[in-house]
Amino acid sequence: MMSGTVLFRTLGALIGWATLVAQYFLVVSEGEHANLAAATISYFSYFTILTNILVVLAFTAPLLAPTTKLNGIFTKPAVRAAIALYISFVAIVYHIMLRDLWDPQGLQFITDIALHTVLPIWYLFDWVFYTSKRSLRFAHIPYWLIYPTLYGVYTIIRGALSGVYPYPFLNVSELGLFGVFINMIGFLMLYVIGGAVFITLGSKLSKPETIP
């Protein structure tokens, strides 16, 4: 019989993969890109998409055999906590800074809710109730900053080449390189604070070891 954890993660994986495929279909079919390659690059240039891919892989990995590389990577407590941090920022930044910038309709409205609300909440629930947190250390935080830093650098380089910036706070053409740099530093500081919060919360939520 399927356990509650397996069922929860299976549903999360199914919802996540379906949402990502649907969003890719929308990007490709909207006709705003010159060709399939350009649409694909655009799709994978959003922090929201990349982070939700990590979320879905984290749902999927524990369902696989323990010997698989995907399981080995995405079942590590530090990796799962980092993803919880990233997807929390996806939800918070979207609902505070980006939500009012557009008005999605139809299927786009559904994928919008799934990517920015449903999957973040689903994953955070998984992290709180089903994920080991005992090995989390503050020393993990510098490593957790690598992903958002690389994303910021990639966005600046891609924007310089294409003139396209997926987020207004990373738009060099409007804010200038220094303005974007300040925004990136500010976000990284928030990631440090958020990482510390998750590590502290993980310590509080960890079940005490039983003595045989």
N, C-alpha and C. Protein backbone atom coordinates (compact mmCIF):
# COMPACT_ATOMS: atom_id res chain seq x y z
N MET A 1 0.85 -1.21 0.00
CA MET A 1 0.00 0.00 0.00
C MET A 1 0.88 1.25 0.00
N MET A 2 0.53 2.23 -0.81
CA MET A 2 1.31 3.46 -0.93
C MET A 2 1.21 4.28 0.35
N SER A 3 2.37 4.69 0.90
CA SER A 3 2.38 5.50 2.11
C SER A 3 1.91 6.91 1.81
N GLY A 4 1.58 7.65 2.88
CA GLY A 4 1.14 9.02 2.71
C GLY A 4 2.21 9.89 2.08
N THR A 5 3.48 9.68 2.47
CA THR A 5 4.58 10.46 1.91
C THR A 5 4.74 10.21 0.42
N VAL A 6 4.71 8.94 0.03
CA VAL A 6 4.86 8.58 -1.38
C VAL A 6 3.70 9.15 -2.20
N LEU A 7 2.48 9.03 -1.68
CA LEU A 7 1.32 9.56 -2.38
C LEU A 7 1.42 11.07 -2.54
N PHE A 8 1.83 11.75 -1.48
CA PHE A 8 1.95 13.21 -1.51
C PHE A 8 2.97 13.63 -2.56
N ARG A 9 4.12 12.97 -2.56
CA ARG A 9 5.18 13.33 -3.51
C ARG A 9 4.82 12.93 -4.93
N THR A 10 4.11 11.84 -5.09
CA THR A 10 3.67 11.43 -6.42
C THR A 10 2.72 12.46 -7.01
N LEU A 11 1.77 12.92 -6.21
CA LEU A 11 0.84 13.96 -6.67
C LEU A 11 1.58 15.25 -6.99
N GLY A 12 2.54 15.61 -6.13
CA GLY A 12 3.33 16.81 -6.37
C GLY A 12 4.11 16.72 -7.67
N ALA A 13 4.69 15.54 -7.93
CA ALA A 13 5.44 15.33 -9.17
C ALA A 13 4.53 15.42 -10.38
N LEU A 14 3.35 14.80 -10.30
CA LEU A 14 2.42 14.82 -11.42
C LEU A 14 1.93 16.24 -11.72
N ILE A 15 1.56 16.96 -10.67
CA ILE A 15 1.12 18.34 -10.85
C ILE A 15 2.26 19.19 -11.43
N GLY A 16 3.45 18.99 -10.90
CA GLY A 16 4.59 19.78 -11.34
C GLY A 16 4.97 19.54 -12.78
N TRP A 17 5.10 18.26 -13.17
CA TRP A 17 5.47 17.96 -14.55
C TRP A 17 4.40 18.45 -15.52
N ALA A 18 3.12 18.25 -15.17
CA ALA A 18 2.03 18.70 -16.03
C ALA A 18 2.06 20.22 -16.20
N THR A 19 2.33 20.93 -15.12
CA THR A 19 2.39 22.39 -15.17
C THR A 19 3.54 22.87 -16.04
N LEU A 20 4.71 22.27 -15.86
CA LEU A 20 5.88 22.68 -16.64
C LEU A 20 5.68 22.42 -18.13
N VAL A 21 5.09 21.28 -18.46
CA VAL A 21 4.82 20.98 -19.87
C VAL A 21 3.80 21.96 -20.44
N ALA A 22 2.76 22.25 -19.67
CA ALA A 22 1.73 23.19 -20.12
C ALA A 22 2.32 24.58 -20.33
N GLN A 23 3.18 25.00 -19.41
CA GLN A 23 3.78 26.33 -19.54
C GLN A 23 4.71 26.39 -20.75
N TYR A 24 5.43 25.32 -21.01
CA TYR A 24 6.29 25.27 -22.20
C TYR A 24 5.44 25.38 -23.47
N PHE A 25 4.34 24.66 -23.48
CA PHE A 25 3.42 24.74 -24.63
C PHE A 25 2.93 26.17 -24.84
N LEU A 26 2.62 26.87 -23.76
CA LEU A 26 2.14 28.25 -23.88
C LEU A 26 3.22 29.17 -24.43
N VAL A 27 4.45 28.99 -23.96
CA VAL A 27 5.56 29.83 -24.43
C VAL A 27 5.82 29.60 -25.92
N VAL A 28 5.79 28.33 -26.32
CA VAL A 28 6.07 28.00 -27.72
C VAL A 28 4.94 28.46 -28.63
N SER A 29 3.71 28.34 -28.16
CA SER A 29 2.55 28.61 -29.02
C SER A 29 2.13 30.07 -29.05
N GLU A 30 2.70 30.91 -28.18
CA GLU A 30 2.23 32.30 -28.11
C GLU A 30 2.69 33.13 -29.32
N GLY A 31 3.66 32.64 -30.08
CA GLY A 31 4.07 33.31 -31.31
C GLY A 31 4.93 34.54 -31.12
N GLU A 32 5.50 34.73 -29.94
CA GLU A 32 6.32 35.91 -29.69
C GLU A 32 7.81 35.67 -29.96
N HIS A 33 8.17 34.45 -30.33
CA HIS A 33 9.57 34.12 -30.55
C HIS A 33 9.80 33.71 -32.00
N ALA A 34 11.01 33.94 -32.47
CA ALA A 34 11.33 33.71 -33.89
C ALA A 34 11.23 32.25 -34.29
N ASN A 35 11.60 31.36 -33.36
CA ASN A 35 11.59 29.94 -33.67
C ASN A 35 11.52 29.14 -32.37
N LEU A 36 11.52 27.81 -32.50
CA LEU A 36 11.41 26.94 -31.33
C LEU A 36 12.60 27.10 -30.40
N ALA A 37 13.78 27.26 -30.97
CA ALA A 37 14.99 27.41 -30.14
C ALA A 37 14.89 28.67 -29.28
N ALA A 38 14.45 29.77 -29.88
CA ALA A 38 14.32 31.02 -29.13
C ALA A 38 13.27 30.90 -28.03
N ALA A 39 12.16 30.22 -28.34
CA ALA A 39 11.11 30.02 -27.34
C ALA A 39 11.62 29.16 -26.19
N THR A 40 12.41 28.15 -26.52
CA THR A 40 12.95 27.25 -25.50
C THR A 40 13.93 27.98 -24.60
N ILE A 41 14.79 28.80 -25.20
CA ILE A 41 15.74 29.58 -24.41
C ILE A 41 14.98 30.53 -23.48
N SER A 42 13.95 31.16 -24.01
CA SER A 42 13.14 32.07 -23.19
C SER A 42 12.50 31.32 -22.02
N TYR A 43 11.97 30.16 -22.30
CA TYR A 43 11.32 29.34 -21.26
C TYR A 43 12.28 29.04 -20.12
N PHE A 44 13.49 28.61 -20.47
CA PHE A 44 14.46 28.22 -19.45
C PHE A 44 15.23 29.41 -18.88
N SER A 45 14.84 30.62 -19.24
CA SER A 45 15.52 31.81 -18.73
C SER A 45 14.79 32.45 -17.56
N TYR A 46 13.72 31.82 -17.10
CA TYR A 46 12.98 32.33 -15.95
C TYR A 46 13.37 31.58 -14.68
N PHE A 47 13.68 32.34 -13.65
CA PHE A 47 14.02 31.74 -12.36
C PHE A 47 12.87 30.88 -11.85
N THR A 48 11.65 31.33 -12.11
CA THR A 48 10.47 30.56 -11.70
C THR A 48 10.47 29.17 -12.31
N ILE A 49 10.74 29.08 -13.60
CA ILE A 49 10.74 27.79 -14.28
C ILE A 49 11.86 26.91 -13.77
N LEU A 50 13.06 27.45 -13.71
CA LEU A 50 14.22 26.67 -13.26
C LEU A 50 14.01 26.15 -11.84
N THR A 51 13.47 26.99 -10.97
CA THR A 51 13.28 26.58 -9.58
C THR A 51 12.16 25.57 -9.45
N ASN A 52 11.11 25.71 -10.24
CA ASN A 52 10.05 24.71 -10.21
C ASN A 52 10.51 23.38 -10.79
N ILE A 53 11.45 23.41 -11.72
CA ILE A 53 12.05 22.16 -12.19
C ILE A 53 12.77 21.47 -11.05
N LEU A 54 13.51 22.25 -10.25
CA LEU A 54 14.18 21.68 -9.08
C LEU A 54 13.16 21.08 -8.11
N VAL A 55 12.06 21.79 -7.92
CA VAL A 55 11.00 21.30 -7.03
C VAL A 55 10.45 19.96 -7.52
N VAL A 56 10.16 19.88 -8.81
CA VAL A 56 9.58 18.65 -9.36
C VAL A 56 10.60 17.51 -9.30
N LEU A 57 11.87 17.80 -9.54
CA LEU A 57 12.90 16.78 -9.40
C LEU A 57 13.00 16.31 -7.95
N ALA A 58 12.81 17.24 -7.02
CA ALA A 58 12.85 16.87 -5.60
C ALA A 58 11.65 16.01 -5.22
N PHE A 59 10.50 16.23 -5.85
CA PHE A 59 9.36 15.34 -5.64
C PHE A 59 9.59 13.97 -6.26
N THR A 60 10.25 13.96 -7.41
CA THR A 60 10.41 12.72 -8.17
C THR A 60 11.52 11.83 -7.61
N ALA A 61 12.61 12.43 -7.18
CA ALA A 61 13.80 11.66 -6.77
C ALA A 61 13.53 10.60 -5.70
N PRO A 62 12.79 10.93 -4.62
CA PRO A 62 12.57 9.91 -3.59
C PRO A 62 11.71 8.74 -4.06
N LEU A 63 11.04 8.90 -5.20
CA LEU A 63 10.20 7.82 -5.74
C LEU A 63 11.03 6.83 -6.54
N LEU A 64 12.29 7.18 -6.83
CA LEU A 64 13.16 6.33 -7.63
C LEU A 64 13.99 5.41 -6.74
N ALA A 65 14.69 4.49 -7.35
CA ALA A 65 15.55 3.58 -6.60
C ALA A 65 16.65 4.38 -5.90
N PRO A 66 17.01 3.99 -4.67
CA PRO A 66 18.03 4.72 -3.91
C PRO A 66 19.38 4.80 -4.61
N THR A 67 19.65 3.89 -5.54
CA THR A 67 20.95 3.87 -6.20
C THR A 67 21.05 4.87 -7.36
N THR A 68 19.94 5.48 -7.76
CA THR A 68 19.98 6.42 -8.87
C THR A 68 20.65 7.73 -8.44
N LYS A 69 21.32 8.38 -9.40
CA LYS A 69 22.01 9.64 -9.10
C LYS A 69 21.01 10.72 -8.69
N LEU A 70 19.85 10.75 -9.35
CA LEU A 70 18.85 11.75 -9.02
C LEU A 70 18.41 11.62 -7.57
N ASN A 71 18.20 10.39 -7.13
CA ASN A 71 17.83 10.16 -5.73
C ASN A 71 18.95 10.62 -4.81
N GLY A 72 20.18 10.28 -5.17
CA GLY A 72 21.32 10.63 -4.32
C GLY A 72 21.48 12.12 -4.13
N ILE A 73 21.18 12.89 -5.18
CA ILE A 73 21.35 14.34 -5.10
C ILE A 73 20.17 15.00 -4.41
N PHE A 74 18.96 14.68 -4.87
CA PHE A 74 17.79 15.43 -4.45
C PHE A 74 17.15 14.93 -3.16
N THR A 75 17.72 13.92 -2.54
CA THR A 75 17.24 13.52 -1.22
C THR A 75 18.15 14.03 -0.10
N LYS A 76 19.23 14.71 -0.46
CA LYS A 76 20.11 15.28 0.56
C LYS A 76 19.38 16.41 1.30
N PRO A 77 19.42 16.43 2.63
CA PRO A 77 18.73 17.48 3.38
C PRO A 77 19.14 18.88 2.97
N ALA A 78 20.44 19.11 2.72
CA ALA A 78 20.90 20.46 2.36
C ALA A 78 20.33 20.88 1.00
N VAL A 79 20.23 19.94 0.08
CA VAL A 79 19.68 20.25 -1.25
C VAL A 79 18.19 20.56 -1.14
N ARG A 80 17.48 19.76 -0.39
CA ARG A 80 16.03 19.96 -0.26
C ARG A 80 15.72 21.26 0.48
N ALA A 81 16.56 21.61 1.46
CA ALA A 81 16.36 22.88 2.17
C ALA A 81 16.65 24.06 1.25
N ALA A 82 17.69 23.94 0.42
CA ALA A 82 18.01 25.02 -0.52
C ALA A 82 16.85 25.24 -1.49
N ILE A 83 16.26 24.16 -1.98
CA ILE A 83 15.13 24.28 -2.89
C ILE A 83 13.94 24.93 -2.18
N ALA A 84 13.73 24.58 -0.92
CA ALA A 84 12.66 25.22 -0.15
C ALA A 84 12.90 26.72 -0.06
N LEU A 85 14.15 27.11 0.13
CA LEU A 85 14.49 28.54 0.17
C LEU A 85 14.20 29.20 -1.16
N TYR A 86 14.64 28.59 -2.25
CA TYR A 86 14.46 29.18 -3.58
C TYR A 86 12.99 29.31 -3.95
N ILE A 87 12.22 28.26 -3.72
CA ILE A 87 10.82 28.30 -4.14
C ILE A 87 10.01 29.25 -3.26
N SER A 88 10.45 29.45 -2.02
CA SER A 88 9.81 30.45 -1.17
C SER A 88 9.98 31.84 -1.75
N PHE A 89 11.19 32.12 -2.24
CA PHE A 89 11.46 33.42 -2.85
C PHE A 89 10.67 33.59 -4.14
N VAL A 90 10.53 32.52 -4.90
CA VAL A 90 9.72 32.59 -6.12
C VAL A 90 8.31 33.06 -5.77
N ALA A 91 7.71 32.44 -4.77
CA ALA A 91 6.34 32.79 -4.39
C ALA A 91 6.25 34.20 -3.81
N ILE A 92 7.16 34.53 -2.90
CA ILE A 92 7.10 35.83 -2.21
C ILE A 92 7.34 36.98 -3.18
N VAL A 93 8.41 36.87 -3.98
CA VAL A 93 8.73 37.95 -4.92
C VAL A 93 7.62 38.12 -5.95
N TYR A 94 7.07 37.02 -6.43
CA TYR A 94 6.00 37.13 -7.42
C TYR A 94 4.78 37.85 -6.84
N HIS A 95 4.34 37.41 -5.68
CA HIS A 95 3.10 37.97 -5.13
C HIS A 95 3.27 39.40 -4.62
N ILE A 96 4.50 39.78 -4.24
CA ILE A 96 4.73 41.14 -3.75
C ILE A 96 5.09 42.10 -4.88
N MET A 97 5.92 41.64 -5.84
CA MET A 97 6.50 42.55 -6.82
C MET A 97 5.97 42.39 -8.25
N LEU A 98 5.51 41.20 -8.60
CA LEU A 98 5.25 40.92 -10.02
C LEU A 98 3.79 40.63 -10.36
N ARG A 99 3.01 40.21 -9.40
CA ARG A 99 1.65 39.74 -9.67
C ARG A 99 0.80 40.77 -10.39
N ASP A 100 0.94 42.04 -10.05
CA ASP A 100 0.08 43.08 -10.62
C ASP A 100 0.57 43.59 -11.98
N LEU A 101 1.67 43.01 -12.48
CA LEU A 101 2.23 43.48 -13.74
C LEU A 101 1.56 42.86 -14.96
N TRP A 102 0.72 41.82 -14.73
CA TRP A 102 0.04 41.20 -15.87
C TRP A 102 -1.26 40.56 -15.41
N ASP A 103 -2.05 40.13 -16.36
CA ASP A 103 -3.37 39.56 -16.05
C ASP A 103 -3.56 38.27 -16.86
N PRO A 104 -2.98 37.17 -16.40
CA PRO A 104 -3.08 35.91 -17.16
C PRO A 104 -4.50 35.39 -17.23
N GLN A 105 -4.81 34.73 -18.36
CA GLN A 105 -6.16 34.21 -18.58
C GLN A 105 -6.08 32.74 -19.00
N GLY A 106 -7.16 32.01 -18.81
CA GLY A 106 -7.25 30.64 -19.29
C GLY A 106 -6.20 29.71 -18.71
N LEU A 107 -5.57 28.93 -19.59
CA LEU A 107 -4.55 27.99 -19.16
C LEU A 107 -3.37 28.70 -18.51
N GLN A 108 -3.04 29.90 -19.00
CA GLN A 108 -1.95 30.67 -18.41
C GLN A 108 -2.25 31.03 -16.96
N PHE A 109 -3.51 31.30 -16.67
CA PHE A 109 -3.90 31.61 -15.29
C PHE A 109 -3.69 30.38 -14.39
N ILE A 110 -4.02 29.20 -14.92
CA ILE A 110 -3.87 27.97 -14.14
C ILE A 110 -2.40 27.67 -13.87
N THR A 111 -1.57 27.77 -14.92
CA THR A 111 -0.14 27.50 -14.72
C THR A 111 0.49 28.55 -13.82
N ASP A 112 0.01 29.78 -13.91
CA ASP A 112 0.51 30.85 -13.05
C ASP A 112 0.28 30.52 -11.58
N ILE A 113 -0.93 30.08 -11.26
CA ILE A 113 -1.25 29.72 -9.87
C ILE A 113 -0.42 28.51 -9.43
N ALA A 114 -0.29 27.54 -10.32
CA ALA A 114 0.46 26.33 -9.96
C ALA A 114 1.92 26.64 -9.69
N LEU A 115 2.55 27.44 -10.56
CA LEU A 115 3.97 27.73 -10.44
C LEU A 115 4.31 28.62 -9.26
N HIS A 116 3.42 29.56 -8.94
CA HIS A 116 3.75 30.57 -7.93
C HIS A 116 3.05 30.37 -6.59
N THR A 117 2.08 29.48 -6.54
CA THR A 117 1.35 29.28 -5.28
C THR A 117 1.23 27.81 -4.90
N VAL A 118 0.64 27.00 -5.77
CA VAL A 118 0.37 25.60 -5.43
C VAL A 118 1.65 24.81 -5.18
N LEU A 119 2.56 24.82 -6.14
CA LEU A 119 3.79 24.04 -6.00
C LEU A 119 4.69 24.55 -4.87
N PRO A 120 4.84 25.87 -4.69
CA PRO A 120 5.61 26.32 -3.52
C PRO A 120 5.02 25.83 -2.20
N ILE A 121 3.71 25.96 -2.03
CA ILE A 121 3.08 25.50 -0.79
C ILE A 121 3.22 23.99 -0.64
N TRP A 122 3.01 23.26 -1.73
CA TRP A 122 3.11 21.80 -1.71
C TRP A 122 4.51 21.37 -1.29
N TYR A 123 5.51 22.04 -1.86
CA TYR A 123 6.89 21.66 -1.53
C TYR A 123 7.25 22.04 -0.09
N LEU A 124 6.83 23.19 0.37
CA LEU A 124 7.13 23.59 1.74
C LEU A 124 6.46 22.65 2.74
N PHE A 125 5.26 22.20 2.42
CA PHE A 125 4.60 21.20 3.27
C PHE A 125 5.44 19.93 3.31
N ASP A 126 5.93 19.52 2.15
CA ASP A 126 6.78 18.33 2.09
C ASP A 126 8.03 18.53 2.93
N TRP A 127 8.64 19.71 2.82
CA TRP A 127 9.88 19.97 3.57
C TRP A 127 9.63 19.95 5.07
N VAL A 128 8.53 20.53 5.49
CA VAL A 128 8.23 20.60 6.93
C VAL A 128 7.94 19.22 7.51
N PHE A 129 7.14 18.42 6.80
CA PHE A 129 6.62 17.18 7.39
C PHE A 129 7.31 15.90 6.93
N TYR A 130 7.94 15.91 5.77
CA TYR A 130 8.44 14.66 5.21
C TYR A 130 9.95 14.63 4.94
N THR A 131 10.64 15.72 5.20
CA THR A 131 12.06 15.81 4.84
C THR A 131 12.95 15.86 6.07
N SER A 132 14.04 15.12 6.03
CA SER A 132 15.03 15.16 7.11
C SER A 132 15.72 16.52 7.13
N LYS A 133 15.91 17.05 8.34
CA LYS A 133 16.51 18.38 8.48
C LYS A 133 17.64 18.40 9.51
N ARG A 134 18.03 17.25 10.03
CA ARG A 134 18.97 17.20 11.14
C ARG A 134 20.37 17.65 10.75
N SER A 135 20.78 17.43 9.52
CA SER A 135 22.16 17.71 9.13
C SER A 135 22.37 19.13 8.58
N LEU A 136 21.36 19.99 8.66
CA LEU A 136 21.51 21.34 8.14
C LEU A 136 22.46 22.17 9.01
N ARG A 137 23.35 22.92 8.34
CA ARG A 137 24.34 23.73 9.03
C ARG A 137 24.40 25.11 8.38
N PHE A 138 24.78 26.12 9.16
CA PHE A 138 24.91 27.47 8.62
C PHE A 138 26.00 27.53 7.56
N ALA A 139 26.92 26.59 7.59
CA ALA A 139 27.98 26.53 6.58
C ALA A 139 27.43 26.23 5.19
N HIS A 140 26.18 25.77 5.11
CA HIS A 140 25.58 25.50 3.81
C HIS A 140 25.19 26.78 3.07
N ILE A 141 24.97 27.86 3.79
CA ILE A 141 24.41 29.07 3.19
C ILE A 141 25.25 29.60 2.02
N PRO A 142 26.59 29.73 2.15
CA PRO A 142 27.35 30.23 0.99
C PRO A 142 27.14 29.40 -0.27
N TYR A 143 26.98 28.10 -0.12
CA TYR A 143 26.73 27.24 -1.28
C TYR A 143 25.34 27.49 -1.87
N TRP A 144 24.39 27.83 -1.00
CA TRP A 144 23.03 28.09 -1.46
C TRP A 144 22.93 29.37 -2.28
N LEU A 145 23.93 30.25 -2.16
CA LEU A 145 23.93 31.51 -2.90
C LEU A 145 24.43 31.34 -4.33
N ILE A 146 25.04 30.20 -4.64
CA ILE A 146 25.64 30.01 -5.97
C ILE A 146 24.58 30.05 -7.06
N TYR A 147 23.49 29.32 -6.84
CA TYR A 147 22.44 29.23 -7.87
C TYR A 147 21.84 30.60 -8.21
N PRO A 148 21.35 31.38 -7.24
CA PRO A 148 20.80 32.69 -7.61
C PRO A 148 21.84 33.64 -8.19
N THR A 149 23.10 33.51 -7.74
CA THR A 149 24.16 34.36 -8.28
C THR A 149 24.41 34.04 -9.75
N LEU A 150 24.54 32.75 -10.07
CA LEU A 150 24.75 32.35 -11.46
C LEU A 150 23.57 32.75 -12.33
N TYR A 151 22.36 32.64 -11.77
CA TYR A 151 21.19 33.05 -12.55
C TYR A 151 21.25 34.54 -12.86
N GLY A 152 21.61 35.35 -11.86
CA GLY A 152 21.70 36.78 -12.09
C GLY A 152 22.73 37.14 -13.14
N VAL A 153 23.90 36.50 -13.08
CA VAL A 153 24.96 36.75 -14.06
C VAL A 153 24.49 36.33 -15.45
N TYR A 154 23.87 35.15 -15.54
CA TYR A 154 23.35 34.69 -16.84
C TYR A 154 22.34 35.67 -17.42
N THR A 155 21.45 36.17 -16.57
CA THR A 155 20.41 37.09 -17.03
C THR A 155 21.01 38.38 -17.57
N ILE A 156 22.03 38.88 -16.90
CA ILE A 156 22.69 40.10 -17.36
C ILE A 156 23.37 39.88 -18.71
N ILE A 157 24.07 38.76 -18.84
CA ILE A 157 24.77 38.46 -20.09
C ILE A 157 23.76 38.25 -21.22
N ARG A 158 22.73 37.46 -20.96
CA ARG A 158 21.71 37.22 -22.00
C ARG A 158 21.02 38.52 -22.38
N GLY A 159 20.72 39.35 -21.39
CA GLY A 159 20.07 40.62 -21.67
C GLY A 159 20.94 41.53 -22.52
N ALA A 160 22.25 41.53 -22.26
CA ALA A 160 23.17 42.35 -23.05
C ALA A 160 23.19 41.90 -24.50
N LEU A 161 23.02 40.60 -24.73
CA LEU A 161 23.06 40.05 -26.08
C LEU A 161 21.72 40.15 -26.80
N SER A 162 20.63 40.03 -26.05
CA SER A 162 19.30 39.98 -26.68
C SER A 162 18.42 41.19 -26.40
N GLY A 163 18.76 41.93 -25.34
CA GLY A 163 17.91 43.05 -24.93
C GLY A 163 16.68 42.62 -24.16
N VAL A 164 16.61 41.33 -23.80
CA VAL A 164 15.45 40.78 -23.09
C VAL A 164 15.83 40.48 -21.65
N TYR A 165 15.06 41.02 -20.73
CA TYR A 165 15.27 40.76 -19.30
C TYR A 165 13.95 40.23 -18.72
N PRO A 166 13.95 39.05 -18.12
CA PRO A 166 12.70 38.44 -17.66
C PRO A 166 12.07 39.13 -16.45
N TYR A 167 12.88 39.87 -15.68
CA TYR A 167 12.35 40.50 -14.47
C TYR A 167 12.79 41.96 -14.42
N PRO A 168 11.89 42.86 -14.00
CA PRO A 168 12.20 44.30 -14.00
C PRO A 168 13.37 44.67 -13.09
N PHE A 169 13.57 43.95 -12.00
CA PHE A 169 14.65 44.29 -11.08
C PHE A 169 16.02 43.81 -11.57
N LEU A 170 16.05 43.11 -12.72
CA LEU A 170 17.30 42.70 -13.34
C LEU A 170 17.47 43.35 -14.72
N ASN A 171 16.68 44.35 -15.00
CA ASN A 171 16.68 44.99 -16.31
C ASN A 171 17.77 46.07 -16.38
N VAL A 172 18.91 45.72 -16.95
CA VAL A 172 20.04 46.63 -17.03
C VAL A 172 19.72 47.83 -17.91
N SER A 173 18.95 47.63 -18.96
CA SER A 173 18.63 48.74 -19.86
C SER A 173 17.82 49.83 -19.17
N GLU A 174 17.09 49.47 -18.12
CA GLU A 174 16.28 50.46 -17.40
C GLU A 174 16.96 50.94 -16.12
N LEU A 175 17.61 50.04 -15.41
CA LEU A 175 18.19 50.38 -14.11
C LEU A 175 19.68 50.66 -14.17
N GLY A 176 20.31 50.26 -15.26
CA GLY A 176 21.76 50.37 -15.33
C GLY A 176 22.42 49.20 -14.63
N LEU A 177 23.66 48.95 -14.99
CA LEU A 177 24.38 47.81 -14.40
C LEU A 177 24.54 47.96 -12.90
N PHE A 178 24.81 49.17 -12.44
CA PHE A 178 24.99 49.38 -11.00
C PHE A 178 23.69 49.16 -10.25
N GLY A 179 22.58 49.61 -10.83
CA GLY A 179 21.29 49.41 -10.17
C GLY A 179 20.94 47.94 -10.05
N VAL A 180 21.20 47.17 -11.10
CA VAL A 180 20.96 45.73 -11.05
C VAL A 180 21.89 45.06 -10.06
N PHE A 181 23.14 45.52 -10.03
CA PHE A 181 24.11 44.96 -9.07
C PHE A 181 23.63 45.17 -7.63
N ILE A 182 23.14 46.35 -7.35
CA ILE A 182 22.62 46.64 -6.00
C ILE A 182 21.43 45.73 -5.69
N ASN A 183 20.54 45.54 -6.67
CA ASN A 183 19.40 44.65 -6.47
C ASN A 183 19.86 43.21 -6.19
N MET A 184 20.86 42.76 -6.94
CA MET A 184 21.36 41.40 -6.73
C MET A 184 21.96 41.24 -5.34
N ILE A 185 22.72 42.24 -4.90
CA ILE A 185 23.29 42.19 -3.55
C ILE A 185 22.18 42.15 -2.51
N GLY A 186 21.16 42.95 -2.73
CA GLY A 186 20.03 42.95 -1.79
C GLY A 186 19.33 41.61 -1.73
N PHE A 187 19.12 41.00 -2.89
CA PHE A 187 18.48 39.69 -2.92
C PHE A 187 19.36 38.64 -2.25
N LEU A 188 20.66 38.70 -2.49
CA LEU A 188 21.56 37.72 -1.86
C LEU A 188 21.55 37.86 -0.34
N MET A 189 21.46 39.10 0.14
CA MET A 189 21.37 39.30 1.59
C MET A 189 20.08 38.67 2.13
N LEU A 190 19.00 38.82 1.37
CA LEU A 190 17.74 38.20 1.77
C LEU A 190 17.84 36.68 1.75
N TYR A 191 18.59 36.15 0.78
CA TYR A 191 18.80 34.70 0.74
C TYR A 191 19.60 34.24 1.95
N VAL A 192 20.56 35.02 2.38
CA VAL A 192 21.33 34.67 3.58
C VAL A 192 20.40 34.62 4.79
N ILE A 193 19.57 35.66 4.92
CA ILE A 193 18.62 35.69 6.05
C ILE A 193 17.63 34.54 5.95
N GLY A 194 17.09 34.32 4.75
CA GLY A 194 16.15 33.23 4.55
C GLY A 194 16.78 31.88 4.83
N GLY A 195 18.03 31.71 4.39
CA GLY A 195 18.74 30.45 4.66
C GLY A 195 18.90 30.22 6.15
N ALA A 196 19.25 31.27 6.88
CA ALA A 196 19.39 31.15 8.33
C ALA A 196 18.06 30.78 8.98
N VAL A 197 16.98 31.35 8.46
CA VAL A 197 15.64 31.03 8.99
C VAL A 197 15.32 29.56 8.76
N PHE A 198 15.60 29.06 7.56
CA PHE A 198 15.29 27.66 7.26
C PHE A 198 16.14 26.71 8.10
N ILE A 199 17.39 27.05 8.30
CA ILE A 199 18.26 26.19 9.11
C ILE A 199 17.80 26.18 10.56
N THR A 200 17.45 27.35 11.08
CA THR A 200 16.95 27.43 12.46
C THR A 200 15.64 26.69 12.59
N LEU A 201 14.75 26.88 11.63
CA LEU A 201 13.46 26.18 11.65
C LEU A 201 13.67 24.69 11.52
N GLY A 202 14.61 24.28 10.68
CA GLY A 202 14.90 22.86 10.53
C GLY A 202 15.36 22.23 11.83
N SER A 203 16.18 22.98 12.57
CA SER A 203 16.65 22.48 13.86
C SER A 203 15.50 22.33 14.85
N LYS A 204 14.56 23.28 14.81
CA LYS A 204 13.42 23.22 15.72
C LYS A 204 12.46 22.09 15.35
N LEU A 205 12.34 21.81 14.05
CA LEU A 205 11.38 20.81 13.59
C LEU A 205 11.94 19.39 13.60
N SER A 206 13.25 19.26 13.70
CA SER A 206 13.86 17.93 13.64
C SER A 206 13.43 17.11 14.85
N LYS A 207 13.11 15.85 14.57
CA LYS A 207 12.73 14.96 15.65
C LYS A 207 13.97 14.52 16.43
N PRO A 208 13.89 14.50 17.75
CA PRO A 208 15.06 14.07 18.53
C PRO A 208 15.41 12.63 18.26
N GLU A 209 16.70 12.34 18.29
CA GLU A 209 17.14 10.97 18.08
C GLU A 209 16.72 10.09 19.26
N THR A 210 16.29 8.90 18.95
CA THR A 210 15.90 7.96 20.00
C THR A 210 17.11 7.18 20.45
N ILE A 211 17.21 6.94 21.73
CA ILE A 211 18.33 6.17 22.30
C ILE A 211 17.91 4.73 22.46
N PRO A 212 18.60 3.80 21.79
CA PRO A 212 18.21 2.39 21.88
C PRO A 212 18.40 1.82 23.28
